[in-house]
């Protein structure tokens, strides 16, 4: 987690500026990539679903997008998506 903190900090900074959450900024960035990219975040909580839907209303400027892409290009994201025991269940 420590290795990825710089990217989290940047998303948090932009989120504060936009009055959004870091998750909404991440989703808004994905939505800004290509029209056929559709993030499908999972949740079991209604509040998180509503938060995720709110990402559609977040408008990232070209400068925001460049800032995220520049920061992401300098960071090697570390860590597995799932713990090892759960990864064994993926793709079965």
N, C-alpha and C. Protein backbone atom coordinates (compact mmCIF):
# COMPACT_ATOMS: atom_id res chain seq x y z
N UNK A 1 0.82 -1.19 0.00
CA UNK A 1 0.00 0.00 0.00
C UNK A 1 0.87 1.26 0.00
N UNK A 2 1.96 1.20 0.74
CA UNK A 2 2.84 2.35 0.84
C UNK A 2 3.39 2.76 -0.53
N UNK A 3 3.71 1.77 -1.37
CA UNK A 3 4.29 2.05 -2.68
C UNK A 3 3.29 2.75 -3.61
N UNK A 4 2.00 2.57 -3.39
CA UNK A 4 0.97 3.14 -4.25
C UNK A 4 0.40 4.44 -3.69
N UNK A 5 0.89 4.88 -2.54
CA UNK A 5 0.30 6.03 -1.85
C UNK A 5 0.36 7.32 -2.66
N UNK A 6 1.39 7.53 -3.46
CA UNK A 6 1.51 8.76 -4.25
C UNK A 6 0.33 8.92 -5.20
N UNK A 7 -0.10 7.83 -5.81
CA UNK A 7 -1.24 7.89 -6.71
C UNK A 7 -2.53 8.16 -5.93
N UNK A 8 -2.67 7.52 -4.79
CA UNK A 8 -3.84 7.73 -3.93
C UNK A 8 -3.88 9.20 -3.49
N UNK A 9 -2.73 9.75 -3.13
CA UNK A 9 -2.66 11.15 -2.69
C UNK A 9 -3.09 12.09 -3.81
N UNK A 10 -2.64 11.83 -5.03
CA UNK A 10 -3.03 12.68 -6.16
C UNK A 10 -4.53 12.61 -6.40
N UNK A 11 -5.09 11.40 -6.40
CA UNK A 11 -6.54 11.27 -6.61
C UNK A 11 -7.31 11.98 -5.49
N UNK A 12 -6.79 11.91 -4.28
CA UNK A 12 -7.43 12.59 -3.15
C UNK A 12 -7.38 14.10 -3.31
N UNK A 13 -6.25 14.62 -3.79
CA UNK A 13 -6.11 16.06 -4.01
C UNK A 13 -7.10 16.55 -5.07
N UNK A 14 -7.19 15.84 -6.17
CA UNK A 14 -8.13 16.21 -7.22
C UNK A 14 -9.56 16.07 -6.71
N UNK A 15 -9.81 15.04 -5.93
CA UNK A 15 -11.15 14.82 -5.38
C UNK A 15 -11.57 16.00 -4.50
N UNK A 16 -10.67 16.51 -3.69
CA UNK A 16 -11.00 17.66 -2.86
C UNK A 16 -11.35 18.87 -3.72
N UNK A 17 -10.58 19.08 -4.78
CA UNK A 17 -10.84 20.21 -5.68
C UNK A 17 -12.20 20.09 -6.35
N UNK A 18 -12.59 18.88 -6.68
CA UNK A 18 -13.84 18.63 -7.41
C UNK A 18 -15.02 18.35 -6.49
N UNK A 19 -14.77 18.35 -5.16
CA UNK A 19 -15.81 17.98 -4.19
C UNK A 19 -16.39 16.60 -4.51
N UNK A 20 -15.46 15.67 -4.68
CA UNK A 20 -15.80 14.29 -5.03
C UNK A 20 -14.97 13.38 -4.13
N UNK A 21 -15.14 12.09 -4.31
CA UNK A 21 -14.31 11.13 -3.57
C UNK A 21 -13.20 10.63 -4.48
N UNK A 22 -12.11 10.11 -3.90
CA UNK A 22 -11.06 9.54 -4.74
C UNK A 22 -11.59 8.43 -5.66
N UNK A 23 -12.53 7.63 -5.17
CA UNK A 23 -13.10 6.57 -6.01
C UNK A 23 -13.83 7.18 -7.21
N UNK A 24 -14.55 8.28 -7.00
CA UNK A 24 -15.25 8.93 -8.11
C UNK A 24 -14.25 9.48 -9.13
N UNK A 25 -13.13 10.01 -8.65
CA UNK A 25 -12.12 10.51 -9.58
C UNK A 25 -11.54 9.36 -10.40
N UNK A 26 -11.25 8.25 -9.75
CA UNK A 26 -10.72 7.08 -10.47
C UNK A 26 -11.71 6.60 -11.53
N UNK A 27 -12.97 6.52 -11.17
CA UNK A 27 -13.99 6.09 -12.13
C UNK A 27 -14.17 7.11 -13.24
N UNK A 28 -14.16 8.40 -12.90
CA UNK A 28 -14.29 9.46 -13.91
C UNK A 28 -13.12 9.40 -14.89
N UNK A 29 -11.92 9.11 -14.38
CA UNK A 29 -10.75 8.99 -15.25
C UNK A 29 -10.94 7.82 -16.22
N UNK A 30 -11.43 6.70 -15.72
CA UNK A 30 -11.68 5.56 -16.61
C UNK A 30 -12.71 5.93 -17.68
N UNK A 31 -13.78 6.59 -17.26
CA UNK A 31 -14.84 6.98 -18.21
C UNK A 31 -14.32 7.95 -19.26
N UNK A 32 -13.30 8.74 -18.92
CA UNK A 32 -12.75 9.73 -19.86
C UNK A 32 -11.80 9.11 -20.89
N UNK A 33 -11.43 7.85 -20.72
CA UNK A 33 -10.43 7.23 -21.59
C UNK A 33 -10.94 7.02 -23.02
N UNK A 34 -11.92 6.20 -23.16
CA UNK A 34 -12.51 5.86 -24.46
C UNK A 34 -13.99 5.61 -24.24
N UNK A 35 -14.82 5.86 -25.25
CA UNK A 35 -16.27 5.68 -25.03
C UNK A 35 -16.67 4.23 -24.78
N UNK A 36 -15.85 3.28 -25.17
CA UNK A 36 -16.20 1.88 -24.98
C UNK A 36 -15.64 1.30 -23.68
N UNK A 37 -14.91 2.09 -22.92
CA UNK A 37 -14.43 1.62 -21.62
C UNK A 37 -15.51 1.89 -20.59
N UNK A 38 -15.99 0.82 -19.98
CA UNK A 38 -17.07 0.94 -19.00
C UNK A 38 -16.62 0.22 -17.72
N UNK A 39 -16.25 1.00 -16.70
CA UNK A 39 -15.86 0.36 -15.45
C UNK A 39 -17.07 -0.30 -14.79
N UNK A 40 -16.84 -1.43 -14.18
CA UNK A 40 -17.92 -2.15 -13.50
C UNK A 40 -17.46 -2.40 -12.06
N UNK A 41 -17.57 -1.38 -11.21
CA UNK A 41 -17.15 -1.58 -9.83
C UNK A 41 -18.18 -2.42 -9.08
N UNK A 42 -17.70 -3.25 -8.21
CA UNK A 42 -18.60 -4.10 -7.43
C UNK A 42 -18.80 -3.53 -6.03
N UNK A 43 -19.96 -3.70 -5.50
CA UNK A 43 -20.24 -3.28 -4.13
C UNK A 43 -21.46 -4.01 -3.61
N UNK A 44 -21.55 -4.09 -2.32
CA UNK A 44 -22.75 -4.65 -1.69
C UNK A 44 -23.47 -3.58 -0.88
N UNK A 45 -22.94 -2.36 -0.93
CA UNK A 45 -23.49 -1.27 -0.13
C UNK A 45 -24.17 -0.24 -1.03
N UNK A 46 -25.39 0.12 -0.71
CA UNK A 46 -26.14 1.11 -1.49
C UNK A 46 -25.40 2.45 -1.54
N UNK A 47 -24.82 2.87 -0.43
CA UNK A 47 -24.10 4.15 -0.40
C UNK A 47 -22.93 4.15 -1.38
N UNK A 48 -22.24 3.03 -1.49
CA UNK A 48 -21.11 2.94 -2.43
C UNK A 48 -21.62 2.94 -3.88
N UNK A 49 -22.74 2.28 -4.12
CA UNK A 49 -23.34 2.30 -5.46
C UNK A 49 -23.67 3.73 -5.86
N UNK A 50 -24.28 4.48 -4.94
CA UNK A 50 -24.63 5.87 -5.22
C UNK A 50 -23.38 6.71 -5.43
N UNK A 51 -22.35 6.45 -4.64
CA UNK A 51 -21.07 7.15 -4.82
C UNK A 51 -20.50 6.86 -6.21
N UNK A 52 -20.51 5.59 -6.60
CA UNK A 52 -19.98 5.20 -7.91
C UNK A 52 -20.76 5.86 -9.04
N UNK A 53 -22.07 5.89 -8.93
CA UNK A 53 -22.90 6.52 -9.96
C UNK A 53 -22.56 8.01 -10.06
N UNK A 54 -22.24 8.63 -8.93
CA UNK A 54 -21.88 10.04 -8.91
C UNK A 54 -20.65 10.38 -9.74
N UNK A 55 -19.84 9.39 -10.06
CA UNK A 55 -18.64 9.63 -10.87
C UNK A 55 -18.99 10.13 -12.26
N UNK A 56 -20.17 9.81 -12.73
CA UNK A 56 -20.60 10.26 -14.07
C UNK A 56 -20.69 11.79 -14.12
N UNK A 57 -21.01 12.41 -13.00
CA UNK A 57 -21.16 13.87 -12.95
C UNK A 57 -19.84 14.60 -12.75
N UNK A 58 -18.77 13.88 -12.46
CA UNK A 58 -17.46 14.51 -12.24
C UNK A 58 -16.85 14.86 -13.59
N UNK A 59 -16.52 16.14 -13.76
CA UNK A 59 -15.90 16.58 -15.00
C UNK A 59 -14.41 16.81 -14.78
N UNK A 60 -13.61 15.96 -15.39
CA UNK A 60 -12.16 16.12 -15.31
C UNK A 60 -11.71 16.99 -16.48
N UNK A 61 -10.86 17.95 -16.18
CA UNK A 61 -10.31 18.79 -17.24
C UNK A 61 -9.18 18.03 -17.94
N UNK A 62 -8.80 18.47 -19.12
CA UNK A 62 -7.64 17.85 -19.76
C UNK A 62 -6.40 17.91 -18.87
N UNK A 63 -6.25 19.00 -18.09
CA UNK A 63 -5.12 19.09 -17.16
C UNK A 63 -5.21 18.04 -16.07
N UNK A 64 -6.43 17.80 -15.54
CA UNK A 64 -6.62 16.75 -14.54
C UNK A 64 -6.19 15.40 -15.10
N UNK A 65 -6.63 15.11 -16.31
CA UNK A 65 -6.33 13.82 -16.94
C UNK A 65 -4.83 13.68 -17.16
N UNK A 66 -4.19 14.74 -17.65
CA UNK A 66 -2.73 14.69 -17.85
C UNK A 66 -2.00 14.49 -16.52
N UNK A 67 -2.48 15.17 -15.48
CA UNK A 67 -1.85 15.05 -14.16
C UNK A 67 -1.94 13.62 -13.64
N UNK A 68 -3.10 13.01 -13.79
CA UNK A 68 -3.28 11.62 -13.34
C UNK A 68 -2.40 10.69 -14.16
N UNK A 69 -2.41 10.87 -15.48
CA UNK A 69 -1.61 10.00 -16.35
C UNK A 69 -0.11 10.17 -16.08
N UNK A 70 0.32 11.41 -15.85
CA UNK A 70 1.73 11.66 -15.57
C UNK A 70 2.14 10.99 -14.27
N UNK A 71 1.32 11.14 -13.23
CA UNK A 71 1.64 10.51 -11.94
C UNK A 71 1.63 9.00 -12.06
N UNK A 72 0.64 8.47 -12.76
CA UNK A 72 0.53 7.02 -12.90
C UNK A 72 1.72 6.44 -13.67
N UNK A 73 2.23 7.19 -14.64
CA UNK A 73 3.36 6.69 -15.43
C UNK A 73 4.64 6.61 -14.62
N UNK A 74 4.71 7.36 -13.52
CA UNK A 74 5.92 7.38 -12.69
C UNK A 74 5.85 6.39 -11.54
N UNK A 75 4.70 5.74 -11.38
CA UNK A 75 4.51 4.84 -10.25
C UNK A 75 4.32 3.42 -10.77
N UNK A 76 5.08 2.51 -10.24
CA UNK A 76 4.84 1.10 -10.53
C UNK A 76 3.89 0.61 -9.46
N UNK A 77 2.63 0.43 -9.84
CA UNK A 77 1.63 -0.02 -8.88
C UNK A 77 2.04 -1.41 -8.41
N UNK A 78 2.03 -1.59 -7.12
CA UNK A 78 2.49 -2.85 -6.54
C UNK A 78 1.36 -3.54 -5.80
N UNK A 79 1.48 -4.82 -5.71
CA UNK A 79 0.50 -5.61 -4.96
C UNK A 79 -0.43 -6.36 -5.89
N UNK A 80 -0.87 -7.48 -5.41
CA UNK A 80 -1.79 -8.31 -6.18
C UNK A 80 -3.21 -7.78 -6.03
N UNK A 81 -4.04 -8.09 -6.98
CA UNK A 81 -5.44 -7.67 -6.92
C UNK A 81 -6.16 -8.41 -5.80
N UNK A 82 -5.85 -9.68 -5.65
CA UNK A 82 -6.48 -10.52 -4.63
C UNK A 82 -5.40 -11.18 -3.78
N UNK A 83 -5.72 -11.54 -2.55
CA UNK A 83 -4.79 -12.38 -1.78
C UNK A 83 -4.59 -13.71 -2.52
N UNK A 84 -3.47 -14.34 -2.31
CA UNK A 84 -3.11 -15.55 -3.06
C UNK A 84 -4.20 -16.62 -3.02
N UNK A 85 -4.81 -16.86 -1.88
CA UNK A 85 -5.83 -17.92 -1.78
C UNK A 85 -7.08 -17.59 -2.60
N UNK A 86 -7.42 -16.31 -2.71
CA UNK A 86 -8.58 -15.92 -3.52
C UNK A 86 -8.24 -15.91 -5.02
N UNK A 87 -6.99 -15.55 -5.35
CA UNK A 87 -6.57 -15.54 -6.74
C UNK A 87 -6.72 -16.91 -7.38
N UNK A 88 -6.55 -17.97 -6.59
CA UNK A 88 -6.68 -19.33 -7.10
C UNK A 88 -8.12 -19.62 -7.56
N UNK A 89 -9.08 -18.85 -7.07
CA UNK A 89 -10.50 -19.08 -7.41
C UNK A 89 -10.92 -18.29 -8.66
N UNK A 90 -10.07 -17.38 -9.11
CA UNK A 90 -10.40 -16.53 -10.27
C UNK A 90 -10.23 -17.31 -11.56
N UNK A 91 -11.17 -17.15 -12.47
CA UNK A 91 -11.05 -17.76 -13.79
C UNK A 91 -11.36 -19.26 -13.82
N UNK A 92 -12.06 -19.74 -12.83
CA UNK A 92 -12.36 -21.17 -12.78
C UNK A 92 -13.59 -21.46 -13.61
